[in-house]
């Protein structure tokens, strides 16, 4: 299977939504109006790149990346990564590894000094990220905001 990692296009939205459905199956579907509004914001946001892993014309993975300008580390930015998903049917076939390689390349090309992400608590997820060169270096904290 040949995997090409590229920036997401508007035509990828249905595939992205399907992947996000695998990531968070309890989420209610978004209306098309809301999808369009969110995509308009994401696609115009400076430093924001939604990557997709394309396997022979089928989107099988994604990673949402944001370059955040920074006053420390000599002014070098930080690349934050969210919503990394590989379709269940395409897992363990190199898709995630290609995505993470592209994420790191994106960070390097943007002059970032680090790529940062939070990972699920599953040990296999930690093993995967470590195999991609990431290190568990800090403890993450979250505060979920109730509606």
N, C-alpha and C. Protein backbone atom coordinates (compact mmCIF):
# COMPACT_ATOMS: atom_id res chain seq x y z
N UNK A 1 0.85 -1.17 0.00
CA UNK A 1 0.00 0.00 0.00
C UNK A 1 0.90 1.23 0.00
N UNK A 2 0.74 2.08 -1.00
CA UNK A 2 1.50 3.33 -1.07
C UNK A 2 0.73 4.42 -0.32
N UNK A 3 1.43 5.10 0.60
CA UNK A 3 0.82 6.12 1.43
C UNK A 3 1.44 7.46 1.07
N UNK A 4 0.58 8.43 0.78
CA UNK A 4 1.02 9.80 0.54
C UNK A 4 0.39 10.66 1.63
N UNK A 5 1.23 11.40 2.35
CA UNK A 5 0.72 12.31 3.36
C UNK A 5 0.71 13.71 2.75
N UNK A 6 -0.45 14.35 2.84
CA UNK A 6 -0.64 15.67 2.22
C UNK A 6 -1.59 16.48 3.08
N UNK A 7 -1.68 17.76 2.75
CA UNK A 7 -2.65 18.63 3.43
C UNK A 7 -4.06 18.23 3.01
N UNK A 8 -4.96 18.29 3.96
CA UNK A 8 -6.36 17.96 3.67
C UNK A 8 -6.99 19.00 2.75
N UNK A 9 -7.90 18.54 1.95
CA UNK A 9 -8.67 19.39 1.05
C UNK A 9 -10.14 19.36 1.48
N UNK A 10 -10.88 20.33 1.02
CA UNK A 10 -12.32 20.37 1.31
C UNK A 10 -12.99 19.05 0.90
N UNK A 11 -12.54 18.47 -0.19
CA UNK A 11 -13.13 17.21 -0.67
C UNK A 11 -12.84 16.03 0.25
N UNK A 12 -11.95 16.21 1.23
CA UNK A 12 -11.63 15.15 2.19
C UNK A 12 -12.53 15.18 3.43
N UNK A 13 -13.40 16.16 3.52
CA UNK A 13 -14.16 16.35 4.76
C UNK A 13 -14.97 15.12 5.18
N UNK A 14 -15.64 14.47 4.26
CA UNK A 14 -16.45 13.30 4.66
C UNK A 14 -15.55 12.19 5.20
N UNK A 15 -14.38 12.03 4.60
CA UNK A 15 -13.43 11.02 5.08
C UNK A 15 -12.88 11.40 6.45
N UNK A 16 -12.59 12.68 6.64
CA UNK A 16 -12.11 13.15 7.95
C UNK A 16 -13.16 12.91 9.02
N UNK A 17 -14.40 13.25 8.72
CA UNK A 17 -15.47 13.05 9.69
C UNK A 17 -15.64 11.57 10.05
N UNK A 18 -15.46 10.69 9.07
CA UNK A 18 -15.54 9.26 9.35
C UNK A 18 -14.40 8.83 10.28
N UNK A 19 -13.20 9.35 10.05
CA UNK A 19 -12.07 9.03 10.93
C UNK A 19 -12.32 9.55 12.34
N UNK A 20 -12.80 10.79 12.45
CA UNK A 20 -13.08 11.35 13.76
C UNK A 20 -14.18 10.57 14.46
N UNK A 21 -15.08 9.98 13.69
CA UNK A 21 -16.11 9.11 14.25
C UNK A 21 -15.51 7.85 14.88
N UNK A 22 -14.41 7.36 14.29
CA UNK A 22 -13.71 6.22 14.89
C UNK A 22 -13.00 6.64 16.17
N UNK A 23 -12.47 7.87 16.18
CA UNK A 23 -11.75 8.38 17.35
C UNK A 23 -12.70 8.62 18.51
N UNK A 24 -13.84 9.23 18.23
CA UNK A 24 -14.83 9.59 19.26
C UNK A 24 -16.22 9.13 18.83
N UNK A 25 -16.49 7.84 18.95
CA UNK A 25 -17.76 7.31 18.44
C UNK A 25 -19.01 7.85 19.14
N UNK A 26 -18.86 8.43 20.31
CA UNK A 26 -20.02 8.96 21.03
C UNK A 26 -20.40 10.38 20.61
N UNK A 27 -19.56 11.02 19.78
CA UNK A 27 -19.88 12.37 19.33
C UNK A 27 -21.10 12.36 18.42
N UNK A 28 -21.97 13.33 18.61
CA UNK A 28 -23.12 13.49 17.71
C UNK A 28 -22.62 14.03 16.37
N UNK A 29 -23.23 13.62 15.27
CA UNK A 29 -22.81 14.14 13.97
C UNK A 29 -23.02 15.65 13.89
N UNK A 30 -22.13 16.31 13.16
CA UNK A 30 -22.25 17.75 12.94
C UNK A 30 -23.12 18.02 11.73
N UNK A 31 -23.84 19.13 11.76
CA UNK A 31 -24.62 19.53 10.59
C UNK A 31 -23.65 19.96 9.50
N UNK A 32 -24.09 19.90 8.26
CA UNK A 32 -23.24 20.32 7.15
C UNK A 32 -22.86 21.79 7.28
N UNK A 33 -23.80 22.59 7.79
CA UNK A 33 -23.52 24.02 8.00
C UNK A 33 -22.37 24.21 8.99
N UNK A 34 -22.39 23.44 10.07
CA UNK A 34 -21.32 23.54 11.07
C UNK A 34 -20.01 23.02 10.51
N UNK A 35 -20.05 21.93 9.77
CA UNK A 35 -18.84 21.39 9.14
C UNK A 35 -18.22 22.44 8.23
N UNK A 36 -19.04 23.08 7.41
CA UNK A 36 -18.55 24.10 6.48
C UNK A 36 -17.93 25.28 7.23
N UNK A 37 -18.57 25.71 8.31
CA UNK A 37 -18.05 26.84 9.09
C UNK A 37 -16.73 26.48 9.76
N UNK A 38 -16.64 25.28 10.31
CA UNK A 38 -15.40 24.85 10.96
C UNK A 38 -14.28 24.74 9.93
N UNK A 39 -14.58 24.15 8.78
CA UNK A 39 -13.56 24.01 7.74
C UNK A 39 -13.07 25.39 7.27
N UNK A 40 -13.98 26.34 7.13
CA UNK A 40 -13.59 27.69 6.72
C UNK A 40 -12.62 28.29 7.73
N UNK A 41 -12.86 28.08 9.01
CA UNK A 41 -11.96 28.59 10.05
C UNK A 41 -10.62 27.87 10.01
N UNK A 42 -10.65 26.55 9.97
CA UNK A 42 -9.41 25.78 9.96
C UNK A 42 -8.56 26.11 8.74
N UNK A 43 -9.17 26.12 7.58
CA UNK A 43 -8.39 26.29 6.34
C UNK A 43 -7.82 27.70 6.19
N UNK A 44 -8.36 28.66 6.94
CA UNK A 44 -7.82 30.02 6.85
C UNK A 44 -6.91 30.37 8.03
N UNK A 45 -6.76 29.46 8.97
CA UNK A 45 -5.98 29.73 10.17
C UNK A 45 -4.49 29.60 9.88
N UNK A 46 -3.76 30.68 10.11
CA UNK A 46 -2.32 30.67 9.88
C UNK A 46 -1.65 29.66 10.81
N UNK A 47 -0.79 28.83 10.26
CA UNK A 47 -0.07 27.84 11.03
C UNK A 47 -0.81 26.54 11.26
N UNK A 48 -2.01 26.43 10.74
CA UNK A 48 -2.83 25.24 10.93
C UNK A 48 -2.75 24.37 9.69
N UNK A 49 -2.45 23.09 9.88
CA UNK A 49 -2.42 22.13 8.78
C UNK A 49 -3.06 20.84 9.23
N UNK A 50 -4.09 20.42 8.55
CA UNK A 50 -4.67 19.10 8.79
C UNK A 50 -4.04 18.19 7.73
N UNK A 51 -3.27 17.24 8.21
CA UNK A 51 -2.63 16.28 7.31
C UNK A 51 -3.54 15.07 7.14
N UNK A 52 -3.52 14.51 5.93
CA UNK A 52 -4.22 13.24 5.70
C UNK A 52 -3.24 12.25 5.09
N UNK A 53 -3.43 11.00 5.45
CA UNK A 53 -2.69 9.90 4.83
C UNK A 53 -3.59 9.32 3.77
N UNK A 54 -3.14 9.40 2.54
CA UNK A 54 -3.91 8.97 1.38
C UNK A 54 -3.29 7.66 0.87
N UNK A 55 -4.08 6.60 0.89
CA UNK A 55 -3.64 5.29 0.39
C UNK A 55 -4.41 4.99 -0.88
N UNK A 56 -3.76 5.28 -1.99
CA UNK A 56 -4.35 5.01 -3.31
C UNK A 56 -5.73 5.66 -3.46
N UNK A 57 -5.81 6.94 -3.06
CA UNK A 57 -7.04 7.70 -3.23
C UNK A 57 -8.03 7.62 -2.09
N UNK A 58 -7.70 6.87 -1.05
CA UNK A 58 -8.58 6.73 0.11
C UNK A 58 -7.88 7.34 1.33
N UNK A 59 -8.57 8.25 2.02
CA UNK A 59 -8.01 8.85 3.23
C UNK A 59 -8.14 7.83 4.36
N UNK A 60 -6.98 7.41 4.89
CA UNK A 60 -6.96 6.36 5.91
C UNK A 60 -6.38 6.84 7.24
N UNK A 61 -5.96 8.10 7.30
CA UNK A 61 -5.41 8.62 8.54
C UNK A 61 -5.34 10.13 8.51
N UNK A 62 -5.19 10.72 9.69
CA UNK A 62 -5.11 12.17 9.78
C UNK A 62 -4.38 12.59 11.04
N UNK A 63 -3.85 13.80 11.01
CA UNK A 63 -3.26 14.46 12.17
C UNK A 63 -3.47 15.96 11.99
N UNK A 64 -3.97 16.60 13.01
CA UNK A 64 -4.26 18.04 12.98
C UNK A 64 -3.10 18.77 13.66
N UNK A 65 -2.45 19.67 12.95
CA UNK A 65 -1.23 20.32 13.42
C UNK A 65 -1.40 21.83 13.51
N UNK A 66 -0.83 22.40 14.56
CA UNK A 66 -0.87 23.84 14.74
C UNK A 66 0.50 24.33 15.17
N UNK A 67 1.08 25.23 14.37
CA UNK A 67 2.34 25.86 14.72
C UNK A 67 2.02 27.09 15.56
N UNK A 68 2.55 27.11 16.78
CA UNK A 68 2.31 28.22 17.68
C UNK A 68 3.59 29.04 17.82
N UNK A 69 3.56 30.31 17.39
CA UNK A 69 4.72 31.17 17.60
C UNK A 69 5.06 31.25 19.09
N UNK A 70 6.32 31.54 19.39
CA UNK A 70 6.79 31.39 20.75
C UNK A 70 7.90 32.41 21.05
N UNK A 71 7.88 33.01 22.22
CA UNK A 71 8.92 33.97 22.62
C UNK A 71 10.13 33.31 23.26
N UNK A 72 10.02 32.04 23.66
CA UNK A 72 11.17 31.36 24.27
C UNK A 72 11.91 30.56 23.21
N UNK A 73 12.98 29.90 23.63
CA UNK A 73 13.77 29.05 22.73
C UNK A 73 14.23 29.81 21.48
N UNK A 74 14.64 31.06 21.70
CA UNK A 74 15.14 31.86 20.59
C UNK A 74 14.06 32.24 19.59
N UNK A 75 12.82 32.21 20.03
CA UNK A 75 11.72 32.56 19.14
C UNK A 75 11.28 31.41 18.24
N UNK A 76 11.77 30.20 18.50
CA UNK A 76 11.36 29.05 17.70
C UNK A 76 9.98 28.58 18.13
N UNK A 77 9.16 28.27 17.18
CA UNK A 77 7.77 27.87 17.42
C UNK A 77 7.67 26.46 17.98
N UNK A 78 6.45 26.11 18.36
CA UNK A 78 6.10 24.76 18.84
C UNK A 78 5.01 24.24 17.92
N UNK A 79 5.11 22.98 17.53
CA UNK A 79 4.05 22.36 16.74
C UNK A 79 3.23 21.45 17.66
N UNK A 80 1.95 21.75 17.78
CA UNK A 80 1.03 20.93 18.57
C UNK A 80 0.27 20.01 17.64
N UNK A 81 0.05 18.78 18.09
CA UNK A 81 -0.64 17.78 17.28
C UNK A 81 -1.85 17.27 18.05
N UNK A 82 -2.97 17.19 17.35
CA UNK A 82 -4.22 16.70 17.94
C UNK A 82 -4.90 15.77 16.94
N UNK A 83 -5.85 15.02 17.45
CA UNK A 83 -6.73 14.19 16.62
C UNK A 83 -5.98 13.33 15.61
N UNK A 84 -5.00 12.59 16.11
CA UNK A 84 -4.29 11.62 15.26
C UNK A 84 -5.17 10.37 15.19
N UNK A 85 -5.53 10.00 13.98
CA UNK A 85 -6.40 8.84 13.79
C UNK A 85 -5.93 8.06 12.57
N UNK A 86 -5.89 6.75 12.70
CA UNK A 86 -5.71 5.86 11.55
C UNK A 86 -6.91 4.93 11.53
N UNK A 87 -7.54 4.82 10.38
CA UNK A 87 -8.70 3.94 10.25
C UNK A 87 -8.36 2.55 10.75
N UNK A 88 -9.27 1.97 11.49
CA UNK A 88 -9.02 0.66 12.08
C UNK A 88 -8.55 -0.35 11.02
N UNK A 89 -9.17 -0.33 9.85
CA UNK A 89 -8.83 -1.28 8.79
C UNK A 89 -7.42 -1.06 8.22
N UNK A 90 -6.83 0.10 8.51
CA UNK A 90 -5.50 0.41 7.96
C UNK A 90 -4.41 0.45 9.02
N UNK A 91 -4.75 0.09 10.25
CA UNK A 91 -3.74 0.11 11.32
C UNK A 91 -2.73 -1.00 11.13
N UNK A 92 -1.53 -0.74 11.65
CA UNK A 92 -0.40 -1.69 11.58
C UNK A 92 0.06 -1.93 10.15
N UNK A 93 -0.08 -0.87 9.31
CA UNK A 93 0.36 -0.97 7.92
C UNK A 93 1.27 0.20 7.54
N UNK A 94 1.77 0.93 8.54
CA UNK A 94 2.70 2.01 8.30
C UNK A 94 2.08 3.38 8.13
N UNK A 95 0.76 3.46 8.21
CA UNK A 95 0.07 4.74 8.01
C UNK A 95 0.43 5.74 9.11
N UNK A 96 0.31 5.31 10.36
CA UNK A 96 0.62 6.19 11.48
C UNK A 96 2.07 6.66 11.46
N UNK A 97 2.96 5.76 11.13
CA UNK A 97 4.38 6.11 11.06
C UNK A 97 4.63 7.17 9.99
N UNK A 98 3.99 7.03 8.83
CA UNK A 98 4.14 8.03 7.76
C UNK A 98 3.54 9.37 8.18
N UNK A 99 2.41 9.33 8.87
CA UNK A 99 1.81 10.56 9.38
C UNK A 99 2.75 11.26 10.34
N UNK A 100 3.31 10.52 11.29
CA UNK A 100 4.18 11.14 12.29
C UNK A 100 5.48 11.65 11.67
N UNK A 101 5.97 10.96 10.67
CA UNK A 101 7.15 11.45 9.96
C UNK A 101 6.83 12.79 9.30
N UNK A 102 5.67 12.89 8.69
CA UNK A 102 5.26 14.14 8.04
C UNK A 102 5.03 15.24 9.07
N UNK A 103 4.50 14.90 10.24
CA UNK A 103 4.29 15.87 11.31
C UNK A 103 5.63 16.48 11.72
N UNK A 104 6.61 15.63 11.95
CA UNK A 104 7.94 16.11 12.37
C UNK A 104 8.57 16.95 11.25
N UNK A 105 8.41 16.53 10.01
CA UNK A 105 8.93 17.33 8.88
C UNK A 105 8.24 18.69 8.81
N UNK A 106 6.95 18.72 9.07
CA UNK A 106 6.21 19.98 9.07
C UNK A 106 6.77 20.90 10.16
N UNK A 107 7.00 20.36 11.34
CA UNK A 107 7.57 21.14 12.43
C UNK A 107 8.95 21.66 12.09
N UNK A 108 9.77 20.81 11.50
CA UNK A 108 11.12 21.24 11.12
C UNK A 108 11.07 22.34 10.08
N UNK A 109 10.22 22.20 9.09
CA UNK A 109 10.13 23.21 8.03
C UNK A 109 9.57 24.54 8.53
N UNK A 110 8.81 24.49 9.64
CA UNK A 110 8.26 25.71 10.24
C UNK A 110 9.22 26.31 11.28
N UNK A 111 10.38 25.69 11.46
CA UNK A 111 11.37 26.20 12.41
C UNK A 111 11.04 25.92 13.86
N UNK A 112 10.21 24.91 14.10
CA UNK A 112 9.82 24.57 15.47
C UNK A 112 10.98 23.91 16.21
N UNK A 113 11.00 24.09 17.52
CA UNK A 113 12.01 23.42 18.32
C UNK A 113 11.50 22.10 18.90
N UNK A 114 10.17 21.92 18.89
CA UNK A 114 9.62 20.64 19.35
C UNK A 114 8.25 20.41 18.75
N UNK A 115 7.87 19.14 18.75
CA UNK A 115 6.52 18.70 18.39
C UNK A 115 5.93 18.12 19.66
N UNK A 116 4.74 18.55 20.01
CA UNK A 116 4.14 18.13 21.26
C UNK A 116 2.75 17.57 21.02
N UNK A 117 2.45 16.49 21.73
CA UNK A 117 1.12 15.90 21.64
C UNK A 117 0.78 15.21 22.94
N UNK A 118 -0.48 15.02 23.16
CA UNK A 118 -0.97 14.20 24.26
C UNK A 118 -1.45 12.89 23.67
N UNK A 119 -1.15 11.80 24.35
CA UNK A 119 -1.53 10.48 23.84
C UNK A 119 -2.55 9.83 24.77
N UNK A 120 -3.34 8.97 24.20
CA UNK A 120 -4.28 8.17 25.00
C UNK A 120 -3.50 7.35 26.03
N UNK A 121 -4.18 6.87 27.04
CA UNK A 121 -3.53 6.14 28.13
C UNK A 121 -3.13 4.71 27.75
N UNK A 122 -3.49 4.26 26.57
CA UNK A 122 -3.20 2.89 26.17
C UNK A 122 -1.71 2.68 25.94
N UNK A 123 -1.17 1.60 26.50
CA UNK A 123 0.26 1.31 26.39
C UNK A 123 0.70 1.16 24.94
N UNK A 124 -0.12 0.52 24.10
CA UNK A 124 0.27 0.34 22.70
C UNK A 124 0.43 1.68 21.98
N UNK A 125 -0.36 2.69 22.39
CA UNK A 125 -0.24 4.03 21.81
C UNK A 125 1.10 4.64 22.21
N UNK A 126 1.47 4.49 23.48
CA UNK A 126 2.75 5.02 23.96
C UNK A 126 3.91 4.33 23.24
N UNK A 127 3.81 3.03 23.08
CA UNK A 127 4.86 2.28 22.37
C UNK A 127 4.98 2.78 20.93
N UNK A 128 3.86 3.03 20.30
CA UNK A 128 3.88 3.54 18.92
C UNK A 128 4.62 4.87 18.84
N UNK A 129 4.21 5.84 19.68
CA UNK A 129 4.85 7.16 19.61
C UNK A 129 6.34 7.08 19.95
N UNK A 130 6.70 6.25 20.91
CA UNK A 130 8.12 6.08 21.22
C UNK A 130 8.87 5.51 20.02
N UNK A 131 8.26 4.59 19.29
CA UNK A 131 8.91 4.01 18.11
C UNK A 131 9.07 5.03 16.99
N UNK A 132 8.30 6.12 17.06
CA UNK A 132 8.40 7.21 16.09
C UNK A 132 9.37 8.31 16.54
N UNK A 133 10.05 8.08 17.68
CA UNK A 133 11.04 9.04 18.15
C UNK A 133 10.54 10.01 19.21
N UNK A 134 9.31 9.87 19.66
CA UNK A 134 8.78 10.74 20.70
C UNK A 134 9.16 10.18 22.06
N UNK A 135 9.30 11.07 23.03
CA UNK A 135 9.63 10.67 24.39
C UNK A 135 8.58 11.20 25.35
N UNK A 136 8.22 10.37 26.32
CA UNK A 136 7.31 10.82 27.38
C UNK A 136 8.14 11.67 28.33
N UNK A 137 8.01 12.99 28.21
CA UNK A 137 8.89 13.90 28.96
C UNK A 137 8.17 14.75 29.99
N UNK A 138 6.90 14.75 30.00
CA UNK A 138 6.15 15.60 30.93
C UNK A 138 4.82 14.94 31.24
N UNK A 139 4.21 15.39 32.31
CA UNK A 139 2.88 14.89 32.63
C UNK A 139 1.87 15.89 32.11
N UNK A 140 0.89 15.43 31.36
CA UNK A 140 -0.10 16.33 30.79
C UNK A 140 -1.27 16.53 31.72
N UNK A 141 -1.87 17.70 31.62
CA UNK A 141 -3.04 18.02 32.41
C UNK A 141 -4.11 18.56 31.49
N UNK A 142 -5.35 18.28 31.82
CA UNK A 142 -6.48 18.77 31.03
C UNK A 142 -7.55 19.27 31.98
N UNK A 143 -8.28 20.22 31.51
CA UNK A 143 -9.46 20.70 32.22
C UNK A 143 -10.57 20.76 31.17
N UNK A 144 -11.49 19.82 31.21
CA UNK A 144 -12.59 19.81 30.26
C UNK A 144 -13.62 20.85 30.67
N UNK A 145 -14.10 21.60 29.73
CA UNK A 145 -15.08 22.66 29.97
C UNK A 145 -16.47 22.12 29.68
N UNK A 146 -17.34 22.20 30.66
CA UNK A 146 -18.70 21.71 30.48
C UNK A 146 -19.51 22.71 29.68
N UNK A 147 -20.46 22.19 28.93
CA UNK A 147 -21.35 23.06 28.15
C UNK A 147 -22.36 23.72 29.02
